[in-house]
Full PDB file with SEQRES, HELIX, SHEET, SSBOND, CRYST1, ORIGX, SCALE, CONECT and MASTER records, all heavy atoms in Angstrom:
SEQRES   1 A   37  LEU TYR GLU ALA ASN GLU HIS ARG GLU GLN MET ASP LEU          
SEQRES   2 A   37  GLU SER LEU LYS ILE ALA ALA ILE PHE HIS ASP CYS GLY          
SEQRES   3 A   37  TYR GLY LYS GLY ARG ASN GLU ASN HIS ALA ILE                  
HELIX    1 AA1 ARG A    8  GLN A   10  5                                   3    
HELIX    2 AA2 LEU A   13  PHE A   22  1                                  10    
HELIX    3 AA3 CYS A   25  LYS A   29  5                                   5    
CRYST1    1.000    1.000    1.000  90.00  90.00  90.00 P 1           1          
ORIGX1      1.000000  0.000000  0.000000        0.00000                         
ORIGX2      0.000000  1.000000  0.000000        0.00000                         
ORIGX3      0.000000  0.000000  1.000000        0.00000                         
SCALE1      1.000000  0.000000  0.000000        0.00000                         
SCALE2      0.000000  1.000000  0.000000        0.00000                         
SCALE3      0.000000  0.000000  1.000000        0.00000                         
ATOM      1  N   LEU A   1       0.829  -1.206   0.000  1.00  0.00           N  
ATOM      2  CA  LEU A   1       0.000   0.000   0.000  1.00  0.00           C  
ATOM      3  C   LEU A   1       0.866   1.260   0.000  1.00  0.00           C  
ATOM      4  O   LEU A   1       0.534   2.249  -0.661  1.00  0.00           O  
ATOM      5  CB  LEU A   1      -0.933   0.005   1.208  1.00  0.00           C  
ATOM      6  CG  LEU A   1      -1.972  -1.109   1.268  1.00  0.00           C  
ATOM      7  CD1 LEU A   1      -2.797  -0.994   2.528  1.00  0.00           C  
ATOM      8  CD2 LEU A   1      -2.879  -1.070   0.032  1.00  0.00           C  
ATOM      9  N   TYR A   2       1.967   1.218   0.729  1.00  0.00           N  
ATOM     10  CA  TYR A   2       2.870   2.366   0.770  1.00  0.00           C  
ATOM     11  C   TYR A   2       3.448   2.641  -0.620  1.00  0.00           C  
ATOM     12  O   TYR A   2       3.457   3.788  -1.083  1.00  0.00           O  
ATOM     13  CB  TYR A   2       3.998   2.107   1.769  1.00  0.00           C  
ATOM     14  CG  TYR A   2       5.088   3.155   1.720  1.00  0.00           C  
ATOM     15  CD1 TYR A   2       4.949   4.360   2.384  1.00  0.00           C  
ATOM     16  CD2 TYR A   2       6.257   2.932   0.984  1.00  0.00           C  
ATOM     17  CE1 TYR A   2       5.938   5.329   2.324  1.00  0.00           C  
ATOM     18  CE2 TYR A   2       7.254   3.889   0.918  1.00  0.00           C  
ATOM     19  CZ  TYR A   2       7.092   5.084   1.589  1.00  0.00           C  
ATOM     20  OH  TYR A   2       8.072   6.037   1.510  1.00  0.00           O  
ATOM     21  N   GLU A   3       3.938   1.610  -1.278  1.00  0.00           N  
ATOM     22  CA  GLU A   3       4.543   1.794  -2.594  1.00  0.00           C  
ATOM     23  C   GLU A   3       3.533   2.309  -3.615  1.00  0.00           C  
ATOM     24  O   GLU A   3       3.906   3.018  -4.559  1.00  0.00           O  
ATOM     25  CB  GLU A   3       5.143   0.471  -3.085  1.00  0.00           C  
ATOM     26  CG  GLU A   3       6.344   0.000  -2.280  1.00  0.00           C  
ATOM     27  CD  GLU A   3       7.536   0.941  -2.368  1.00  0.00           C  
ATOM     28  OE1 GLU A   3       7.599   1.729  -3.338  1.00  0.00           O  
ATOM     29  OE2 GLU A   3       8.391   0.898  -1.467  1.00  0.00           O  
ATOM     30  N   ALA A   4       2.260   1.984  -3.434  1.00  0.00           N  
ATOM     31  CA  ALA A   4       1.227   2.401  -4.390  1.00  0.00           C  
ATOM     32  C   ALA A   4       0.663   3.780  -4.083  1.00  0.00           C  
ATOM     33  O   ALA A   4      -0.080   4.337  -4.904  1.00  0.00           O  
ATOM     34  CB  ALA A   4       0.087   1.385  -4.406  1.00  0.00           C  
ATOM     35  N   ASN A   5       1.004   4.356  -2.935  1.00  0.00           N  
ATOM     36  CA  ASN A   5       0.386   5.605  -2.514  1.00  0.00           C  
ATOM     37  C   ASN A   5       1.115   6.811  -3.096  1.00  0.00           C  
ATOM     38  O   ASN A   5       2.334   6.922  -2.970  1.00  0.00           O  
ATOM     39  CB  ASN A   5       0.368   5.683  -0.986  1.00  0.00           C  
ATOM     40  CG  ASN A   5      -0.566   6.758  -0.486  1.00  0.00           C  
ATOM     41  OD1 ASN A   5      -0.258   7.942  -0.535  1.00  0.00           O  
ATOM     42  ND2 ASN A   5      -1.732   6.341  -0.003  1.00  0.00           N  
ATOM     43  N   GLU A   6       0.366   7.707  -3.689  1.00  0.00           N  
ATOM     44  CA  GLU A   6       0.973   8.866  -4.343  1.00  0.00           C  
ATOM     45  C   GLU A   6       1.555   9.871  -3.342  1.00  0.00           C  
ATOM     46  O   GLU A   6       2.333  10.747  -3.714  1.00  0.00           O  
ATOM     47  CB  GLU A   6      -0.051   9.573  -5.229  1.00  0.00           C  
ATOM     48  CG  GLU A   6      -1.242  10.138  -4.490  1.00  0.00           C  
ATOM     49  CD  GLU A   6      -2.227  10.818  -5.419  1.00  0.00           C  
ATOM     50  OE1 GLU A   6      -1.836  11.105  -6.577  1.00  0.00           O  
ATOM     51  OE2 GLU A   6      -3.371  11.081  -4.996  1.00  0.00           O  
ATOM     52  N   HIS A   7       1.176   9.742  -2.092  1.00  0.00           N  
ATOM     53  CA  HIS A   7       1.678  10.653  -1.061  1.00  0.00           C  
ATOM     54  C   HIS A   7       2.739   9.988  -0.184  1.00  0.00           C  
ATOM     55  O   HIS A   7       3.014  10.468   0.922  1.00  0.00           O  
ATOM     56  CB  HIS A   7       0.514  11.130  -0.185  1.00  0.00           C  
ATOM     57  CG  HIS A   7      -0.574  11.810  -0.943  1.00  0.00           C  
ATOM     58  ND1 HIS A   7      -0.400  13.002  -1.613  1.00  0.00           N  
ATOM     59  CD2 HIS A   7      -1.875  11.439  -1.158  1.00  0.00           C  
ATOM     60  CE1 HIS A   7      -1.531  13.355  -2.200  1.00  0.00           C  
ATOM     61  NE2 HIS A   7      -2.438  12.430  -1.949  1.00  0.00           N  
ATOM     62  N   ARG A   8       3.346   8.932  -0.668  1.00  0.00           N  
ATOM     63  CA  ARG A   8       4.269   8.174   0.178  1.00  0.00           C  
ATOM     64  C   ARG A   8       5.472   8.993   0.626  1.00  0.00           C  
ATOM     65  O   ARG A   8       6.011   8.748   1.710  1.00  0.00           O  
ATOM     66  CB  ARG A   8       4.735   6.908  -0.537  1.00  0.00           C  
ATOM     67  CG  ARG A   8       5.471   7.114  -1.840  1.00  0.00           C  
ATOM     68  CD  ARG A   8       5.821   5.767  -2.479  1.00  0.00           C  
ATOM     69  NE  ARG A   8       6.445   5.928  -3.784  1.00  0.00           N  
ATOM     70  CZ  ARG A   8       5.763   6.070  -4.924  1.00  0.00           C  
ATOM     71  NH1 ARG A   8       4.438   6.064  -4.892  1.00  0.00           N  
ATOM     72  NH2 ARG A   8       6.380   6.225  -6.080  1.00  0.00           N  
ATOM     73  N   GLU A   9       5.900   9.966  -0.169  1.00  0.00           N  
ATOM     74  CA  GLU A   9       7.059  10.759   0.218  1.00  0.00           C  
ATOM     75  C   GLU A   9       6.767  11.627   1.441  1.00  0.00           C  
ATOM     76  O   GLU A   9       7.698  12.103   2.104  1.00  0.00           O  
ATOM     77  CB  GLU A   9       7.508  11.640  -0.956  1.00  0.00           C  
ATOM     78  CG  GLU A   9       7.954  10.871  -2.193  1.00  0.00           C  
ATOM     79  CD  GLU A   9       9.089   9.903  -1.889  1.00  0.00           C  
ATOM     80  OE1 GLU A   9       9.948  10.258  -1.051  1.00  0.00           O  
ATOM     81  OE2 GLU A   9       9.133   8.810  -2.480  1.00  0.00           O  
ATOM     82  N   GLN A  10       5.500  11.835   1.738  1.00  0.00           N  
ATOM     83  CA  GLN A  10       5.126  12.643   2.894  1.00  0.00           C  
ATOM     84  C   GLN A  10       4.998  11.810   4.170  1.00  0.00           C  
ATOM     85  O   GLN A  10       4.800  12.343   5.257  1.00  0.00           O  
ATOM     86  CB  GLN A  10       3.794  13.344   2.624  1.00  0.00           C  
ATOM     87  CG  GLN A  10       3.815  14.237   1.386  1.00  0.00           C  
ATOM     88  CD  GLN A  10       2.429  14.744   1.031  1.00  0.00           C  
ATOM     89  OE1 GLN A  10       1.534  14.791   1.875  1.00  0.00           O  
ATOM     90  NE2 GLN A  10       2.234  15.122  -0.226  1.00  0.00           N  
ATOM     91  N   MET A  11       5.108  10.505   4.040  1.00  0.00           N  
ATOM     92  CA  MET A  11       4.911   9.627   5.177  1.00  0.00           C  
ATOM     93  C   MET A  11       6.229   9.314   5.884  1.00  0.00           C  
ATOM     94  O   MET A  11       7.299   9.371   5.281  1.00  0.00           O  
ATOM     95  CB  MET A  11       4.246   8.309   4.731  1.00  0.00           C  
ATOM     96  CG  MET A  11       2.762   8.427   4.506  1.00  0.00           C  
ATOM     97  SD  MET A  11       2.006   6.796   4.212  1.00  0.00           S  
ATOM     98  CE  MET A  11       2.027   6.771   2.427  1.00  0.00           C  
ATOM     99  N   ASP A  12       6.103   8.961   7.151  1.00  0.00           N  
ATOM    100  CA  ASP A  12       7.248   8.523   7.959  1.00  0.00           C  
ATOM    101  C   ASP A  12       7.303   7.000   7.845  1.00  0.00           C  
ATOM    102  O   ASP A  12       6.694   6.291   8.645  1.00  0.00           O  
ATOM    103  CB  ASP A  12       7.051   8.974   9.401  1.00  0.00           C  
ATOM    104  CG  ASP A  12       8.197   8.572  10.320  1.00  0.00           C  
ATOM    105  OD1 ASP A  12       9.065   7.785   9.882  1.00  0.00           O  
ATOM    106  OD2 ASP A  12       8.208   9.025  11.474  1.00  0.00           O  
ATOM    107  N   LEU A  13       8.043   6.510   6.869  1.00  0.00           N  
ATOM    108  CA  LEU A  13       8.067   5.073   6.594  1.00  0.00           C  
ATOM    109  C   LEU A  13       8.699   4.295   7.732  1.00  0.00           C  
ATOM    110  O   LEU A  13       8.238   3.207   8.073  1.00  0.00           O  
ATOM    111  CB  LEU A  13       8.806   4.791   5.282  1.00  0.00           C  
ATOM    112  CG  LEU A  13       8.923   3.314   4.888  1.00  0.00           C  
ATOM    113  CD1 LEU A  13       7.549   2.664   4.762  1.00  0.00           C  
ATOM    114  CD2 LEU A  13       9.702   3.170   3.577  1.00  0.00           C  
ATOM    115  N   GLU A  14       9.737   4.817   8.322  1.00  0.00           N  
ATOM    116  CA  GLU A  14      10.376   4.103   9.425  1.00  0.00           C  
ATOM    117  C   GLU A  14       9.381   3.862  10.555  1.00  0.00           C  
ATOM    118  O   GLU A  14       9.260   2.742  11.075  1.00  0.00           O  
ATOM    119  CB  GLU A  14      11.575   4.877   9.960  1.00  0.00           C  
ATOM    120  CG  GLU A  14      12.254   4.157  11.126  1.00  0.00           C  
ATOM    121  CD  GLU A  14      13.394   4.961  11.737  1.00  0.00           C  
ATOM    122  OE1 GLU A  14      13.210   6.176  11.959  1.00  0.00           O  
ATOM    123  OE2 GLU A  14      14.448   4.365  12.015  1.00  0.00           O  
ATOM    124  N   SER A  15       8.649   4.898  10.938  1.00  0.00           N  
ATOM    125  CA  SER A  15       7.672   4.757  12.014  1.00  0.00           C  
ATOM    126  C   SER A  15       6.560   3.793  11.626  1.00  0.00           C  
ATOM    127  O   SER A  15       6.085   3.001  12.454  1.00  0.00           O  
ATOM    128  CB  SER A  15       7.077   6.124  12.375  1.00  0.00           C  
ATOM    129  OG  SER A  15       8.068   6.966  12.939  1.00  0.00           O  
ATOM    130  N   LEU A  16       6.146   3.842  10.379  1.00  0.00           N  
ATOM    131  CA  LEU A  16       5.093   2.950   9.902  1.00  0.00           C  
ATOM    132  C   LEU A  16       5.569   1.499   9.930  1.00  0.00           C  
ATOM    133  O   LEU A  16       4.808   0.590  10.327  1.00  0.00           O  
ATOM    134  CB  LEU A  16       4.664   3.349   8.483  1.00  0.00           C  
ATOM    135  CG  LEU A  16       3.565   2.515   7.829  1.00  0.00           C  
ATOM    136  CD1 LEU A  16       2.321   2.435   8.706  1.00  0.00           C  
ATOM    137  CD2 LEU A  16       3.218   3.109   6.452  1.00  0.00           C  
ATOM    138  N   LYS A  17       6.787   1.255   9.522  1.00  0.00           N  
ATOM    139  CA  LYS A  17       7.340  -0.104   9.574  1.00  0.00           C  
ATOM    140  C   LYS A  17       7.349  -0.639  11.007  1.00  0.00           C  
ATOM    141  O   LYS A  17       6.924  -1.768  11.273  1.00  0.00           O  
ATOM    142  CB  LYS A  17       8.764  -0.127   9.009  1.00  0.00           C  
ATOM    143  CG  LYS A  17       8.862  -0.064   7.500  1.00  0.00           C  
ATOM    144  CD  LYS A  17      10.325  -0.161   7.085  1.00  0.00           C  
ATOM    145  CE  LYS A  17      10.468  -0.276   5.579  1.00  0.00           C  
ATOM    146  NZ  LYS A  17      11.881  -0.464   5.171  1.00  0.00           N  
ATOM    147  N   ILE A  18       7.832   0.182  11.922  1.00  0.00           N  
ATOM    148  CA  ILE A  18       7.923  -0.264  13.316  1.00  0.00           C  
ATOM    149  C   ILE A  18       6.534  -0.525  13.884  1.00  0.00           C  
ATOM    150  O   ILE A  18       6.307  -1.531  14.570  1.00  0.00           O  
ATOM    151  CB  ILE A  18       8.675   0.781  14.160  1.00  0.00           C  
ATOM    152  CG1 ILE A  18      10.121   0.909  13.677  1.00  0.00           C  
ATOM    153  CG2 ILE A  18       8.641   0.399  15.648  1.00  0.00           C  
ATOM    154  CD1 ILE A  18      10.899   2.049  14.310  1.00  0.00           C  
ATOM    155  N   ALA A  19       5.579   0.354  13.575  1.00  0.00           N  
ATOM    156  CA  ALA A  19       4.213   0.168  14.067  1.00  0.00           C  
ATOM    157  C   ALA A  19       3.607  -1.114  13.526  1.00  0.00           C  
ATOM    158  O   ALA A  19       2.907  -1.842  14.242  1.00  0.00           O  
ATOM    159  CB  ALA A  19       3.352   1.372  13.696  1.00  0.00           C  
ATOM    160  N   ALA A  20       3.860  -1.407  12.257  1.00  0.00           N  
ATOM    161  CA  ALA A  20       3.331  -2.642  11.666  1.00  0.00           C  
ATOM    162  C   ALA A  20       3.928  -3.875  12.341  1.00  0.00           C  
ATOM    163  O   ALA A  20       3.228  -4.863  12.593  1.00  0.00           O  
ATOM    164  CB  ALA A  20       3.612  -2.669  10.163  1.00  0.00           C  
ATOM    165  N   ILE A  21       5.203  -3.829  12.642  1.00  0.00           N  
ATOM    166  CA  ILE A  21       5.858  -4.964  13.276  1.00  0.00           C  
ATOM    167  C   ILE A  21       5.312  -5.195  14.689  1.00  0.00           C  
ATOM    168  O   ILE A  21       5.077  -6.325  15.107  1.00  0.00           O  
ATOM    169  CB  ILE A  21       7.385  -4.758  13.322  1.00  0.00           C  
ATOM    170  CG1 ILE A  21       7.964  -4.741  11.900  1.00  0.00           C  
ATOM    171  CG2 ILE A  21       8.064  -5.846  14.162  1.00  0.00           C  
ATOM    172  CD1 ILE A  21       9.415  -4.299  11.821  1.00  0.00           C  
ATOM    173  N   PHE A  22       5.058  -4.120  15.420  1.00  0.00           N  
ATOM    174  CA  PHE A  22       4.656  -4.231  16.818  1.00  0.00           C  
ATOM    175  C   PHE A  22       3.140  -4.191  17.022  1.00  0.00           C  
ATOM    176  O   PHE A  22       2.688  -4.340  18.159  1.00  0.00           O  
ATOM    177  CB  PHE A  22       5.277  -3.090  17.631  1.00  0.00           C  
ATOM    178  CG  PHE A  22       6.702  -3.322  18.033  1.00  0.00           C  
ATOM    179  CD1 PHE A  22       7.737  -2.972  17.183  1.00  0.00           C  
ATOM    180  CD2 PHE A  22       7.021  -3.882  19.264  1.00  0.00           C  
ATOM    181  CE1 PHE A  22       9.067  -3.175  17.539  1.00  0.00           C  
ATOM    182  CE2 PHE A  22       8.335  -4.091  19.637  1.00  0.00           C  
ATOM    183  CZ  PHE A  22       9.374  -3.739  18.779  1.00  0.00           C  
ATOM    184  N   HIS A  23       2.352  -4.020  15.969  1.00  0.00           N  
ATOM    185  CA  HIS A  23       0.943  -3.670  16.171  1.00  0.00           C  
ATOM    186  C   HIS A  23       0.153  -4.696  16.968  1.00  0.00           C  
ATOM    187  O   HIS A  23      -0.783  -4.351  17.687  1.00  0.00           O  
ATOM    188  CB  HIS A  23       0.261  -3.397  14.819  1.00  0.00           C  
ATOM    189  CG  HIS A  23      -0.193  -4.604  14.069  1.00  0.00           C  
ATOM    190  ND1 HIS A  23       0.669  -5.393  13.329  1.00  0.00           N  
ATOM    191  CD2 HIS A  23      -1.419  -5.170  13.940  1.00  0.00           C  
ATOM    192  CE1 HIS A  23      -0.009  -6.374  12.778  1.00  0.00           C  
ATOM    193  NE2 HIS A  23      -1.282  -6.272  13.136  1.00  0.00           N  
ATOM    194  N   ASP A  24       0.515  -5.978  16.907  1.00  0.00           N  
ATOM    195  CA  ASP A  24      -0.233  -7.009  17.629  1.00  0.00           C  
ATOM    196  C   ASP A  24       0.578  -7.703  18.724  1.00  0.00           C  
ATOM    197  O   ASP A  24       0.149  -8.723  19.258  1.00  0.00           O  
ATOM    198  CB  ASP A  24      -0.750  -8.075  16.650  1.00  0.00           C  
ATOM    199  CG  ASP A  24      -2.134  -7.739  16.116  1.00  0.00           C  
ATOM    200  OD1 ASP A  24      -2.705  -6.698  16.522  1.00  0.00           O  
ATOM    201  OD2 ASP A  24      -2.651  -8.503  15.281  1.00  0.00           O  
ATOM    202  N   CYS A  25       1.736  -7.158  19.066  1.00  0.00           N  
ATOM    203  CA  CYS A  25       2.587  -7.857  20.039  1.00  0.00           C  
ATOM    204  C   CYS A  25       1.924  -7.935  21.407  1.00  0.00           C  
ATOM    205  O   CYS A  25       2.272  -8.796  22.218  1.00  0.00           O  
ATOM    206  CB  CYS A  25       3.958  -7.202  20.137  1.00  0.00           C  
ATOM    207  SG  CYS A  25       3.971  -5.570  20.904  1.00  0.00           S  
ATOM    208  N   GLY A  26       0.955  -7.076  21.689  1.00  0.00           N  
ATOM    209  CA  GLY A  26       0.283  -7.094  22.978  1.00  0.00           C  
ATOM    210  C   GLY A  26      -0.579  -8.309  23.204  1.00  0.00           C  
ATOM    211  O   GLY A  26      -0.991  -8.580  24.348  1.00  0.00           O  
ATOM    212  N   TYR A  27      -0.871  -9.062  22.149  1.00  0.00           N  
ATOM    213  CA  TYR A  27      -1.684 -10.264  22.309  1.00  0.00           C  
ATOM    214  C   TYR A  27      -0.991 -11.310  23.173  1.00  0.00           C  
ATOM    215  O   TYR A  27      -1.647 -12.167  23.755  1.00  0.00           O  
ATOM    216  CB  TYR A  27      -1.985 -10.879  20.942  1.00  0.00           C  
ATOM    217  CG  TYR A  27      -3.244 -10.373  20.296  1.00  0.00           C  
ATOM    218  CD1 TYR A  27      -3.191  -9.695  19.080  1.00  0.00           C  
ATOM    219  CD2 TYR A  27      -4.485 -10.584  20.874  1.00  0.00           C  
ATOM    220  CE1 TYR A  27      -4.346  -9.231  18.468  1.00  0.00           C  
ATOM    221  CE2 TYR A  27      -5.645 -10.127  20.273  1.00  0.00           C  
ATOM    222  CZ  TYR A  27      -5.571  -9.449  19.069  1.00  0.00           C  
ATOM    223  OH  TYR A  27      -6.710  -9.001  18.474  1.00  0.00           O  
ATOM    224  N   GLY A  28       0.298 -11.254  23.243  1.00  0.00           N  
ATOM    225  CA  GLY A  28       1.020 -12.262  24.005  1.00  0.00           C  
ATOM    226  C   GLY A  28       0.964 -12.068  25.509  1.00  0.00           C  
ATOM    227  O   GLY A  28       1.515 -12.866  26.260  1.00  0.00           O  
ATOM    228  N   LYS A  29       0.291 -11.008  25.973  1.00  0.00           N  
ATOM    229  CA  LYS A  29       0.321 -10.669  27.395  1.00  0.00           C  
ATOM    230  C   LYS A  29      -0.977 -10.960  28.127  1.00  0.00           C  
ATOM    231  O   LYS A  29      -1.202 -10.452  29.215  1.00  0.00           O  
ATOM    232  CB  LYS A  29       0.683  -9.178  27.561  1.00  0.00           C  
ATOM    233  CG  LYS A  29       2.051  -8.820  26.994  1.00  0.00           C  
ATOM    234  CD  LYS A  29       3.147  -9.676  27.613  1.00  0.00           C  
ATOM    235  CE  LYS A  29       4.507  -9.367  27.011  1.00  0.00           C  
ATOM    236  NZ  LYS A  29       5.565 -10.212  27.566  1.00  0.00           N  
ATOM    237  N   GLY A  30      -1.848 -11.759  27.532  1.00  0.00           N  
ATOM    238  CA  GLY A  30      -3.052 -12.153  28.262  1.00  0.00           C  
ATOM    239  C   GLY A  30      -4.324 -11.760  27.548  1.00  0.00           C  
ATOM    240  O   GLY A  30      -4.339 -10.888  26.687  1.00  0.00           O  
ATOM    241  N   ARG A  31      -5.427 -12.384  27.951  1.00  0.00           N  
ATOM    242  CA  ARG A  31      -6.698 -12.243  27.273  1.00  0.00           C  
ATOM    243  C   ARG A  31      -7.485 -11.022  27.725  1.00  0.00           C  
ATOM    244  O   ARG A  31      -8.355 -10.553  27.010  1.00  0.00           O  
ATOM    245  CB  ARG A  31      -7.564 -13.482  27.509  1.00  0.00           C  
ATOM    246  CG  ARG A  31      -6.996 -14.748  26.889  1.00  0.00           C  
ATOM    247  CD  ARG A  31      -7.810 -15.942  27.330  1.00  0.00           C  
ATOM    248  NE  ARG A  31      -7.331 -17.150  26.689  1.00  0.00           N  
ATOM    249  CZ  ARG A  31      -7.766 -17.574  25.520  1.00  0.00           C  
ATOM    250  NH1 ARG A  31      -8.670 -16.891  24.869  1.00  0.00           N  
ATOM    251  NH2 ARG A  31      -7.298 -18.690  24.989  1.00  0.00           N  
ATOM    252  N   ASN A  32      -7.239 -10.543  28.934  1.00  0.00           N  
ATOM    253  CA  ASN A  32      -8.103  -9.524  29.506  1.00  0.00           C  
ATOM    254  C   ASN A  32      -7.579  -8.108  29.308  1.00  0.00           C  
ATOM    255  O   ASN A  32      -8.071  -7.170  29.923  1.00  0.00           O  
ATOM    256  CB  ASN A  32      -8.294  -9.797  31.006  1.00  0.00           C  
ATOM    257  CG  ASN A  32      -8.962 -11.134  31.244  1.00  0.00           C  
ATOM    258  OD1 ASN A  32      -9.886 -11.513  30.527  1.00  0.00           O  
ATOM    259  ND2 ASN A  32      -8.486 -11.850  32.257  1.00  0.00           N  
ATOM    260  N   GLU A  33      -6.600  -7.954  28.474  1.00  0.00           N  
ATOM    261  CA  GLU A  33      -6.018  -6.645  28.222  1.00  0.00           C  
ATOM    262  C   GLU A  33      -6.349  -6.180  26.805  1.00  0.00           C  
ATOM    263  O   GLU A  33      -6.588  -6.979  25.909  1.00  0.00           O  
ATOM    264  CB  GLU A  33      -4.488  -6.711  28.385  1.00  0.00           C  
ATOM    265  CG  GLU A  33      -4.023  -7.222  29.742  1.00  0.00           C  
ATOM    266  CD  GLU A  33      -4.229  -6.206  30.840  1.00  0.00           C  
ATOM    267  OE1 GLU A  33      -4.427  -5.017  30.519  1.00  0.00           O  
ATOM    268  OE2 GLU A  33      -4.217  -6.602  32.016  1.00  0.00           O  
ATOM    269  N   ASN A  34      -6.369  -4.874  26.631  1.00  0.00           N  
ATOM    270  CA  ASN A  34      -6.510  -4.293  25.294  1.00  0.00           C  
ATOM    271  C   ASN A  34      -5.168  -4.463  24.587  1.00  0.00           C  
ATOM    272  O   ASN A  34      -4.190  -3.809  24.936  1.00  0.00           O  
ATOM    273  CB  ASN A  34      -6.896  -2.823  25.398  1.00  0.00           C  
ATOM    274  CG  ASN A  34      -7.083  -2.166  24.049  1.00  0.00           C  
ATOM    275  OD1 ASN A  34      -6.361  -2.437  23.104  1.00  0.00           O  
ATOM    276  ND2 ASN A  34      -8.066  -1.288  23.964  1.00  0.00           N  
ATOM    277  N   HIS A  35      -5.136  -5.346  23.576  1.00  0.00           N  
ATOM    278  CA  HIS A  35      -3.844  -5.697  22.979  1.00  0.00           C  
ATOM    279  C   HIS A  35      -3.159  -4.498  22.344  1.00  0.00           C  
ATOM    280  O   HIS A  35      -1.930  -4.421  22.305  1.00  0.00           O  
ATOM    281  CB  HIS A  35      -4.021  -6.816  21.943  1.00  0.00           C  
ATOM    282  CG  HIS A  35      -4.495  -6.353  20.611  1.00  0.00           C  
ATOM    283  ND1 HIS A  35      -5.820  -6.120  20.309  1.00  0.00           N  
ATOM    284  CD2 HIS A  35      -3.806  -6.054  19.477  1.00  0.00           C  
ATOM    285  CE1 HIS A  35      -5.928  -5.723  19.061  1.00  0.00           C  
ATOM    286  NE2 HIS A  35      -4.719  -5.664  18.527  1.00  0.00           N  
ATOM    287  N   ALA A  36      -3.930  -3.541  21.817  1.00  0.00           N  
ATOM    288  CA  ALA A  36      -3.330  -2.385  21.165  1.00  0.00           C  
ATOM    289  C   ALA A  36      -2.635  -1.477  22.184  1.00  0.00           C  
ATOM    290  O   ALA A  36      -1.524  -0.968  21.925  1.00  0.00           O  
ATOM    291  CB  ALA A  36      -4.394  -1.605  20.407  1.00  0.00           C  
ATOM    292  N   ILE A  37      -3.264  -1.279  23.329  1.00  0.00           N  
ATOM    293  CA  ILE A  37      -2.657  -0.459  24.379  1.00  0.00           C  
ATOM    294  C   ILE A  37      -1.432  -1.160  24.964  1.00  0.00           C  
ATOM    295  O   ILE A  37      -0.381  -0.545  25.164  1.00  0.00           O  
ATOM    296  CB  ILE A  37      -3.683  -0.163  25.492  1.00  0.00           C  
ATOM    297  CG1 ILE A  37      -4.903   0.581  24.910  1.00  0.00           C  
ATOM    298  CG2 ILE A  37      -3.033   0.648  26.604  1.00  0.00           C  
ATOM    299  CD1 ILE A  37      -4.580   1.891  24.267  1.00  0.00           C  
TER     300      ILE A  37                                                      
MASTER        0    0    0    3    0    0    0    6  299    1    0    3          
END                                                                             
């Protein structure tokens, strides 16, 4: 999606990459927590 986006030069790709890698890591910490937080 990033490569196809005409506004990609305006985006912070490094931050987006890191967020994508970590976005679901909270699932490993239990069922009763908000995984995103």
